[in-house]
Amino acid sequence: MDNKNRTVSYDSLDRDLISLLRTDARAPISQLAQALKVSRGTIQNRLDRLIATGAIIGFTIRASASIDDGAIRAIMLIEVTGKSTSQIISKLRGLPELQKVHTTNGAWDLVAEIQASSLAQFDQVLREVRLIDGIANSETSILLSTV
């Protein structure tokens, strides 16, 4: 049986470990063990389980904002008609400029995080999203600065 399909409960140690990894995904196991006051073996076993169950799906970096100085970043709120949310999400995932797509509640059904290299590319992405069948409405806000 695939471990990623079964329900797994996570305890405070799992959550604390994930929190530390969010801060520094490259932290050595010995450093994680010391910070959480458990053995290295415990950390290794927890990491293996978190990866096997899909709680951790990868390790990545967070780049400085200066790396993407020229990037246009925005949040797009999307209203979906009918029951086409799954199909729309699949189409949105095909657009590389959409960094993340979230489901939400309230007036909007989806929230997309957009990153484009230029205003022309940003404009093209907006057009592509708005042409997807089942999208009734959208509202986009460009992110000016992070405070």
N, C-alpha and C. Protein backbone atom coordinates (compact mmCIF):
# COMPACT_ATOMS: atom_id res chain seq x y z
N MET A 1 0.83 -1.18 0.00
CA MET A 1 0.00 0.00 0.00
C MET A 1 0.88 1.26 0.00
N ASP A 2 0.51 2.24 -0.78
CA ASP A 2 1.27 3.48 -0.89
C ASP A 2 1.07 4.31 0.38
N ASN A 3 2.18 4.65 1.06
CA ASN A 3 2.10 5.41 2.30
C ASN A 3 1.50 6.79 2.12
N LYS A 4 1.59 7.36 0.92
CA LYS A 4 1.09 8.71 0.70
C LYS A 4 -0.44 8.75 0.63
N ASN A 5 -1.08 7.60 0.54
CA ASN A 5 -2.53 7.55 0.46
C ASN A 5 -3.21 7.29 1.79
N ARG A 6 -2.47 7.01 2.82
CA ARG A 6 -3.10 6.73 4.11
C ARG A 6 -3.02 7.97 5.00
N THR A 7 -3.93 8.02 5.95
CA THR A 7 -3.96 9.16 6.86
C THR A 7 -2.86 8.99 7.90
N VAL A 8 -2.10 10.04 8.09
CA VAL A 8 -1.00 10.02 9.04
C VAL A 8 -1.19 11.20 9.99
N SER A 9 -0.97 10.96 11.28
CA SER A 9 -1.05 12.09 12.21
C SER A 9 0.36 12.56 12.52
N TYR A 10 0.50 13.86 12.65
CA TYR A 10 1.79 14.46 12.93
C TYR A 10 1.74 15.10 14.29
N ASP A 11 2.82 14.93 15.06
CA ASP A 11 2.84 15.48 16.41
C ASP A 11 3.66 16.76 16.44
N SER A 12 3.85 17.29 17.64
CA SER A 12 4.54 18.57 17.79
C SER A 12 6.01 18.48 17.34
N LEU A 13 6.63 17.33 17.51
CA LEU A 13 8.01 17.17 17.05
C LEU A 13 8.08 17.27 15.53
N ASP A 14 7.12 16.63 14.84
CA ASP A 14 7.08 16.72 13.37
C ASP A 14 6.91 18.18 12.94
N ARG A 15 6.00 18.88 13.60
CA ARG A 15 5.74 20.28 13.24
C ARG A 15 6.95 21.17 13.53
N ASP A 16 7.60 20.93 14.66
CA ASP A 16 8.80 21.71 15.00
C ASP A 16 9.93 21.43 14.01
N LEU A 17 10.06 20.19 13.60
CA LEU A 17 11.09 19.81 12.63
C LEU A 17 10.82 20.51 11.29
N ILE A 18 9.59 20.48 10.85
CA ILE A 18 9.24 21.15 9.59
C ILE A 18 9.48 22.65 9.70
N SER A 19 9.16 23.22 10.83
CA SER A 19 9.39 24.65 11.04
C SER A 19 10.87 25.00 10.92
N LEU A 20 11.72 24.18 11.54
CA LEU A 20 13.17 24.42 11.44
C LEU A 20 13.65 24.27 10.00
N LEU A 21 13.12 23.29 9.29
CA LEU A 21 13.52 23.07 7.91
C LEU A 21 13.04 24.20 7.00
N ARG A 22 11.92 24.81 7.33
CA ARG A 22 11.47 25.96 6.55
C ARG A 22 12.45 27.13 6.70
N THR A 23 13.06 27.24 7.85
CA THR A 23 14.04 28.29 8.08
C THR A 23 15.35 27.98 7.39
N ASP A 24 15.78 26.71 7.45
CA ASP A 24 17.03 26.30 6.84
C ASP A 24 16.92 24.84 6.40
N ALA A 25 16.55 24.62 5.16
CA ALA A 25 16.35 23.27 4.64
C ALA A 25 17.65 22.48 4.54
N ARG A 26 18.77 23.16 4.66
CA ARG A 26 20.07 22.50 4.57
C ARG A 26 20.70 22.25 5.94
N ALA A 27 19.97 22.48 6.99
CA ALA A 27 20.52 22.29 8.34
C ALA A 27 20.93 20.83 8.53
N PRO A 28 22.10 20.61 9.10
CA PRO A 28 22.54 19.23 9.36
C PRO A 28 21.64 18.55 10.38
N ILE A 29 21.54 17.26 10.25
CA ILE A 29 20.70 16.47 11.17
C ILE A 29 21.15 16.68 12.61
N SER A 30 22.45 16.75 12.84
CA SER A 30 22.94 16.95 14.21
C SER A 30 22.46 18.28 14.78
N GLN A 31 22.44 19.31 13.95
CA GLN A 31 21.96 20.62 14.40
C GLN A 31 20.46 20.58 14.70
N LEU A 32 19.69 19.89 13.85
CA LEU A 32 18.25 19.76 14.08
C LEU A 32 17.99 18.98 15.37
N ALA A 33 18.75 17.91 15.58
CA ALA A 33 18.59 17.09 16.78
C ALA A 33 18.89 17.90 18.03
N GLN A 34 19.95 18.69 17.97
CA GLN A 34 20.32 19.52 19.13
C GLN A 34 19.23 20.56 19.41
N ALA A 35 18.73 21.21 18.37
CA ALA A 35 17.71 22.24 18.55
C ALA A 35 16.41 21.66 19.11
N LEU A 36 16.09 20.42 18.74
CA LEU A 36 14.84 19.79 19.18
C LEU A 36 15.03 18.89 20.40
N LYS A 37 16.29 18.78 20.85
CA LYS A 37 16.62 18.00 22.06
C LYS A 37 16.20 16.53 21.93
N VAL A 38 16.51 15.96 20.76
CA VAL A 38 16.30 14.53 20.52
C VAL A 38 17.54 13.98 19.83
N SER A 39 17.58 12.67 19.66
CA SER A 39 18.76 12.06 19.03
C SER A 39 18.76 12.26 17.52
N ARG A 40 19.95 12.10 16.94
CA ARG A 40 20.07 12.19 15.48
C ARG A 40 19.22 11.12 14.81
N GLY A 41 19.20 9.93 15.39
CA GLY A 41 18.40 8.84 14.84
C GLY A 41 16.92 9.17 14.79
N THR A 42 16.45 9.83 15.85
CA THR A 42 15.04 10.25 15.89
C THR A 42 14.75 11.22 14.76
N ILE A 43 15.64 12.18 14.56
CA ILE A 43 15.44 13.16 13.48
C ILE A 43 15.46 12.46 12.13
N GLN A 44 16.42 11.57 11.93
CA GLN A 44 16.51 10.85 10.65
C GLN A 44 15.24 10.04 10.39
N ASN A 45 14.77 9.34 11.42
CA ASN A 45 13.54 8.55 11.27
C ASN A 45 12.34 9.44 10.96
N ARG A 46 12.25 10.57 11.64
CA ARG A 46 11.14 11.50 11.40
C ARG A 46 11.20 12.05 9.98
N LEU A 47 12.41 12.44 9.56
CA LEU A 47 12.57 12.96 8.20
C LEU A 47 12.16 11.92 7.16
N ASP A 48 12.63 10.70 7.34
CA ASP A 48 12.29 9.62 6.41
C ASP A 48 10.77 9.43 6.35
N ARG A 49 10.11 9.45 7.50
CA ARG A 49 8.66 9.27 7.55
C ARG A 49 7.93 10.45 6.92
N LEU A 50 8.38 11.67 7.20
CA LEU A 50 7.74 12.86 6.64
C LEU A 50 7.86 12.88 5.11
N ILE A 51 8.98 12.42 4.60
CA ILE A 51 9.16 12.34 3.15
C ILE A 51 8.29 11.22 2.57
N ALA A 52 8.31 10.05 3.21
CA ALA A 52 7.55 8.90 2.72
C ALA A 52 6.05 9.14 2.71
N THR A 53 5.56 9.91 3.68
CA THR A 53 4.11 10.15 3.75
C THR A 53 3.67 11.37 2.95
N GLY A 54 4.64 12.08 2.38
CA GLY A 54 4.29 13.23 1.56
C GLY A 54 4.15 14.53 2.33
N ALA A 55 4.45 14.53 3.62
CA ALA A 55 4.39 15.78 4.39
C ALA A 55 5.48 16.73 3.91
N ILE A 56 6.63 16.18 3.55
CA ILE A 56 7.70 16.95 2.93
C ILE A 56 7.80 16.47 1.50
N ILE A 57 7.62 17.39 0.56
CA ILE A 57 7.65 16.99 -0.85
C ILE A 57 8.91 17.46 -1.56
N GLY A 58 9.76 18.17 -0.86
CA GLY A 58 11.02 18.59 -1.46
C GLY A 58 11.73 19.59 -0.59
N PHE A 59 12.97 19.82 -0.91
CA PHE A 59 13.79 20.79 -0.21
C PHE A 59 14.16 21.85 -1.23
N THR A 60 14.10 23.10 -0.85
CA THR A 60 14.31 24.17 -1.81
C THR A 60 15.02 25.35 -1.15
N ILE A 61 15.24 26.37 -1.95
CA ILE A 61 15.85 27.58 -1.42
C ILE A 61 14.83 28.71 -1.49
N ARG A 62 15.08 29.73 -0.72
CA ARG A 62 14.34 30.98 -0.84
C ARG A 62 15.34 32.01 -1.30
N ALA A 63 15.14 32.52 -2.50
CA ALA A 63 16.09 33.49 -3.05
C ALA A 63 15.78 34.88 -2.51
N SER A 64 16.82 35.67 -2.40
CA SER A 64 16.66 37.06 -1.99
C SER A 64 15.81 37.79 -3.01
N ALA A 65 15.05 38.75 -2.55
CA ALA A 65 14.21 39.53 -3.46
C ALA A 65 15.05 40.24 -4.51
N SER A 66 16.30 40.54 -4.19
CA SER A 66 17.17 41.24 -5.15
C SER A 66 17.46 40.39 -6.39
N ILE A 67 17.34 39.06 -6.27
CA ILE A 67 17.56 38.17 -7.41
C ILE A 67 16.51 38.42 -8.48
N ASP A 68 15.30 38.68 -8.08
CA ASP A 68 14.18 38.89 -9.00
C ASP A 68 13.78 40.35 -9.07
N ASP A 69 14.74 41.25 -8.98
CA ASP A 69 14.43 42.68 -8.98
C ASP A 69 13.55 43.10 -10.13
N GLY A 70 13.75 42.55 -11.31
CA GLY A 70 12.97 42.96 -12.47
C GLY A 70 11.65 42.22 -12.62
N ALA A 71 11.38 41.28 -11.74
CA ALA A 71 10.18 40.47 -11.88
C ALA A 71 8.93 41.25 -11.49
N ILE A 72 7.86 40.97 -12.22
CA ILE A 72 6.55 41.51 -11.89
C ILE A 72 5.84 40.42 -11.09
N ARG A 73 5.48 40.73 -9.86
CA ARG A 73 4.78 39.76 -9.01
C ARG A 73 3.38 40.27 -8.74
N ALA A 74 2.42 39.36 -8.70
CA ALA A 74 1.03 39.77 -8.50
C ALA A 74 0.23 38.64 -7.88
N ILE A 75 -0.91 39.02 -7.35
CA ILE A 75 -1.90 38.07 -6.83
C ILE A 75 -3.14 38.21 -7.70
N MET A 76 -3.63 37.09 -8.19
CA MET A 76 -4.84 37.10 -9.01
C MET A 76 -5.93 36.33 -8.28
N LEU A 77 -7.08 36.98 -8.09
CA LEU A 77 -8.25 36.35 -7.51
C LEU A 77 -9.13 35.89 -8.66
N ILE A 78 -9.58 34.65 -8.60
CA ILE A 78 -10.30 34.05 -9.73
C ILE A 78 -11.64 33.50 -9.27
N GLU A 79 -12.69 33.83 -10.03
CA GLU A 79 -14.03 33.29 -9.81
C GLU A 79 -14.30 32.23 -10.85
N VAL A 80 -14.74 31.06 -10.40
CA VAL A 80 -14.99 29.92 -11.27
C VAL A 80 -16.49 29.72 -11.41
N THR A 81 -16.93 29.39 -12.63
CA THR A 81 -18.34 29.08 -12.84
C THR A 81 -18.55 27.58 -12.75
N GLY A 82 -19.72 27.20 -12.26
CA GLY A 82 -20.08 25.79 -12.21
C GLY A 82 -19.14 24.96 -11.36
N LYS A 83 -18.94 23.73 -11.82
CA LYS A 83 -18.12 22.77 -11.07
C LYS A 83 -16.82 22.47 -11.81
N SER A 84 -16.26 23.48 -12.46
CA SER A 84 -15.09 23.26 -13.30
C SER A 84 -13.77 23.58 -12.61
N THR A 85 -13.77 23.68 -11.29
CA THR A 85 -12.57 24.08 -10.56
C THR A 85 -11.38 23.16 -10.83
N SER A 86 -11.58 21.86 -10.81
CA SER A 86 -10.47 20.92 -11.02
C SER A 86 -9.84 21.09 -12.40
N GLN A 87 -10.68 21.25 -13.42
CA GLN A 87 -10.16 21.43 -14.78
C GLN A 87 -9.40 22.76 -14.90
N ILE A 88 -9.93 23.79 -14.26
CA ILE A 88 -9.27 25.10 -14.31
C ILE A 88 -7.93 25.04 -13.59
N ILE A 89 -7.88 24.40 -12.43
CA ILE A 89 -6.62 24.26 -11.71
C ILE A 89 -5.59 23.55 -12.58
N SER A 90 -5.99 22.50 -13.28
CA SER A 90 -5.07 21.78 -14.17
C SER A 90 -4.52 22.69 -15.25
N LYS A 91 -5.37 23.52 -15.83
CA LYS A 91 -4.92 24.45 -16.87
C LYS A 91 -4.00 25.53 -16.29
N LEU A 92 -4.33 26.01 -15.11
CA LEU A 92 -3.50 27.04 -14.48
C LEU A 92 -2.11 26.49 -14.15
N ARG A 93 -2.04 25.24 -13.74
CA ARG A 93 -0.75 24.63 -13.41
C ARG A 93 0.15 24.55 -14.64
N GLY A 94 -0.44 24.60 -15.83
CA GLY A 94 0.33 24.55 -17.06
C GLY A 94 0.99 25.88 -17.41
N LEU A 95 0.66 26.93 -16.68
CA LEU A 95 1.26 28.24 -16.93
C LEU A 95 2.44 28.43 -15.99
N PRO A 96 3.67 28.44 -16.49
CA PRO A 96 4.84 28.49 -15.61
C PRO A 96 4.92 29.77 -14.78
N GLU A 97 4.29 30.86 -15.24
CA GLU A 97 4.35 32.11 -14.49
C GLU A 97 3.49 32.06 -13.23
N LEU A 98 2.57 31.12 -13.13
CA LEU A 98 1.76 30.97 -11.93
C LEU A 98 2.55 30.11 -10.95
N GLN A 99 3.13 30.77 -9.95
CA GLN A 99 4.00 30.10 -8.99
C GLN A 99 3.22 29.15 -8.09
N LYS A 100 2.04 29.60 -7.64
CA LYS A 100 1.20 28.80 -6.77
C LYS A 100 -0.26 29.12 -7.07
N VAL A 101 -1.12 28.12 -6.87
CA VAL A 101 -2.56 28.32 -6.99
C VAL A 101 -3.18 27.76 -5.72
N HIS A 102 -4.03 28.58 -5.08
CA HIS A 102 -4.67 28.18 -3.83
C HIS A 102 -6.18 28.18 -4.01
N THR A 103 -6.84 27.22 -3.38
CA THR A 103 -8.29 27.30 -3.27
C THR A 103 -8.60 28.16 -2.05
N THR A 104 -9.76 28.78 -2.05
CA THR A 104 -10.11 29.66 -0.94
C THR A 104 -11.62 29.69 -0.77
N ASN A 105 -12.07 30.43 0.21
CA ASN A 105 -13.50 30.58 0.43
C ASN A 105 -13.88 32.03 0.18
N GLY A 106 -15.16 32.33 0.21
CA GLY A 106 -15.59 33.71 0.01
C GLY A 106 -15.99 33.96 -1.43
N ALA A 107 -15.90 35.21 -1.85
CA ALA A 107 -16.35 35.61 -3.19
C ALA A 107 -15.47 35.02 -4.30
N TRP A 108 -14.21 34.77 -4.02
CA TRP A 108 -13.29 34.24 -5.01
C TRP A 108 -13.03 32.77 -4.74
N ASP A 109 -12.87 31.98 -5.80
CA ASP A 109 -12.67 30.54 -5.66
C ASP A 109 -11.20 30.13 -5.61
N LEU A 110 -10.37 30.88 -6.34
CA LEU A 110 -8.95 30.55 -6.42
C LEU A 110 -8.11 31.81 -6.25
N VAL A 111 -6.91 31.64 -5.73
CA VAL A 111 -5.94 32.73 -5.64
C VAL A 111 -4.66 32.21 -6.30
N ALA A 112 -4.16 32.96 -7.28
CA ALA A 112 -2.94 32.56 -7.98
C ALA A 112 -1.84 33.58 -7.72
N GLU A 113 -0.64 33.06 -7.47
CA GLU A 113 0.54 33.91 -7.31
C GLU A 113 1.25 33.91 -8.65
N ILE A 114 1.42 35.10 -9.21
CA ILE A 114 2.01 35.24 -10.54
C ILE A 114 3.38 35.88 -10.43
N GLN A 115 4.32 35.41 -11.26
CA GLN A 115 5.61 36.07 -11.39
C GLN A 115 5.98 36.05 -12.87
N ALA A 116 6.17 37.25 -13.43
CA ALA A 116 6.53 37.38 -14.83
C ALA A 116 7.79 38.24 -14.94
N SER A 117 8.53 38.06 -16.03
CA SER A 117 9.80 38.77 -16.17
C SER A 117 9.64 40.17 -16.74
N SER A 118 8.46 40.48 -17.31
CA SER A 118 8.25 41.80 -17.90
C SER A 118 6.75 42.11 -17.89
N LEU A 119 6.43 43.37 -18.12
CA LEU A 119 5.02 43.75 -18.21
C LEU A 119 4.34 43.08 -19.40
N ALA A 120 5.06 42.93 -20.50
CA ALA A 120 4.49 42.26 -21.68
C ALA A 120 4.15 40.80 -21.35
N GLN A 121 5.05 40.11 -20.67
CA GLN A 121 4.79 38.72 -20.28
C GLN A 121 3.64 38.67 -19.27
N PHE A 122 3.61 39.60 -18.35
CA PHE A 122 2.54 39.68 -17.35
C PHE A 122 1.20 39.86 -18.05
N ASP A 123 1.13 40.77 -19.01
CA ASP A 123 -0.10 41.01 -19.77
C ASP A 123 -0.54 39.75 -20.50
N GLN A 124 0.42 39.03 -21.09
CA GLN A 124 0.10 37.79 -21.80
C GLN A 124 -0.47 36.74 -20.84
N VAL A 125 0.11 36.64 -19.66
CA VAL A 125 -0.38 35.67 -18.66
C VAL A 125 -1.82 36.01 -18.27
N LEU A 126 -2.10 37.28 -18.02
CA LEU A 126 -3.46 37.69 -17.66
C LEU A 126 -4.43 37.29 -18.77
N ARG A 127 -4.06 37.55 -20.03
CA ARG A 127 -4.93 37.18 -21.15
C ARG A 127 -5.16 35.68 -21.20
N GLU A 128 -4.09 34.90 -21.03
CA GLU A 128 -4.22 33.44 -21.09
C GLU A 128 -5.14 32.91 -19.99
N VAL A 129 -5.00 33.45 -18.80
CA VAL A 129 -5.84 33.00 -17.68
C VAL A 129 -7.30 33.35 -17.97
N ARG A 130 -7.55 34.55 -18.41
CA ARG A 130 -8.92 35.01 -18.64
C ARG A 130 -9.60 34.29 -19.79
N LEU A 131 -8.84 33.65 -20.67
CA LEU A 131 -9.41 32.90 -21.80
C LEU A 131 -9.79 31.47 -21.42
N ILE A 132 -9.41 31.03 -20.24
CA ILE A 132 -9.72 29.66 -19.82
C ILE A 132 -11.23 29.54 -19.59
N ASP A 133 -11.84 28.55 -20.26
CA ASP A 133 -13.27 28.30 -20.08
C ASP A 133 -13.57 27.99 -18.63
N GLY A 134 -14.61 28.61 -18.10
CA GLY A 134 -15.01 28.38 -16.72
C GLY A 134 -14.56 29.47 -15.77
N ILE A 135 -13.71 30.38 -16.23
CA ILE A 135 -13.33 31.51 -15.39
C ILE A 135 -14.30 32.65 -15.69
N ALA A 136 -15.07 33.00 -14.68
CA ALA A 136 -16.11 34.02 -14.84
C ALA A 136 -15.56 35.42 -14.65
N ASN A 137 -14.60 35.57 -13.73
CA ASN A 137 -14.12 36.89 -13.37
C ASN A 137 -12.77 36.75 -12.70
N SER A 138 -11.98 37.82 -12.75
CA SER A 138 -10.72 37.82 -12.03
C SER A 138 -10.38 39.25 -11.64
N GLU A 139 -9.55 39.35 -10.62
CA GLU A 139 -9.05 40.65 -10.17
C GLU A 139 -7.59 40.45 -9.81
N THR A 140 -6.74 41.32 -10.33
CA THR A 140 -5.31 41.14 -10.13
C THR A 140 -4.70 42.37 -9.47
N SER A 141 -3.85 42.14 -8.50
CA SER A 141 -3.11 43.21 -7.84
C SER A 141 -1.63 42.94 -7.95
N ILE A 142 -0.89 43.93 -8.49
CA ILE A 142 0.56 43.80 -8.59
C ILE A 142 1.14 44.06 -7.20
N LEU A 143 2.11 43.24 -6.80
CA LEU A 143 2.78 43.42 -5.51
C LEU A 143 3.93 44.40 -5.71
N LEU A 144 3.89 45.52 -5.04
CA LEU A 144 4.89 46.56 -5.22
C LEU A 144 6.13 46.35 -4.37
N SER A 145 5.95 46.05 -3.09
CA SER A 145 7.10 45.80 -2.22
C SER A 145 6.67 44.87 -1.10
N THR A 146 7.64 44.21 -0.52
CA THR A 146 7.40 43.34 0.62
C THR A 146 7.88 44.07 1.85
N VAL A 147 7.02 44.19 2.84
CA VAL A 147 7.36 44.96 4.04
C VAL A 147 7.46 44.06 5.25
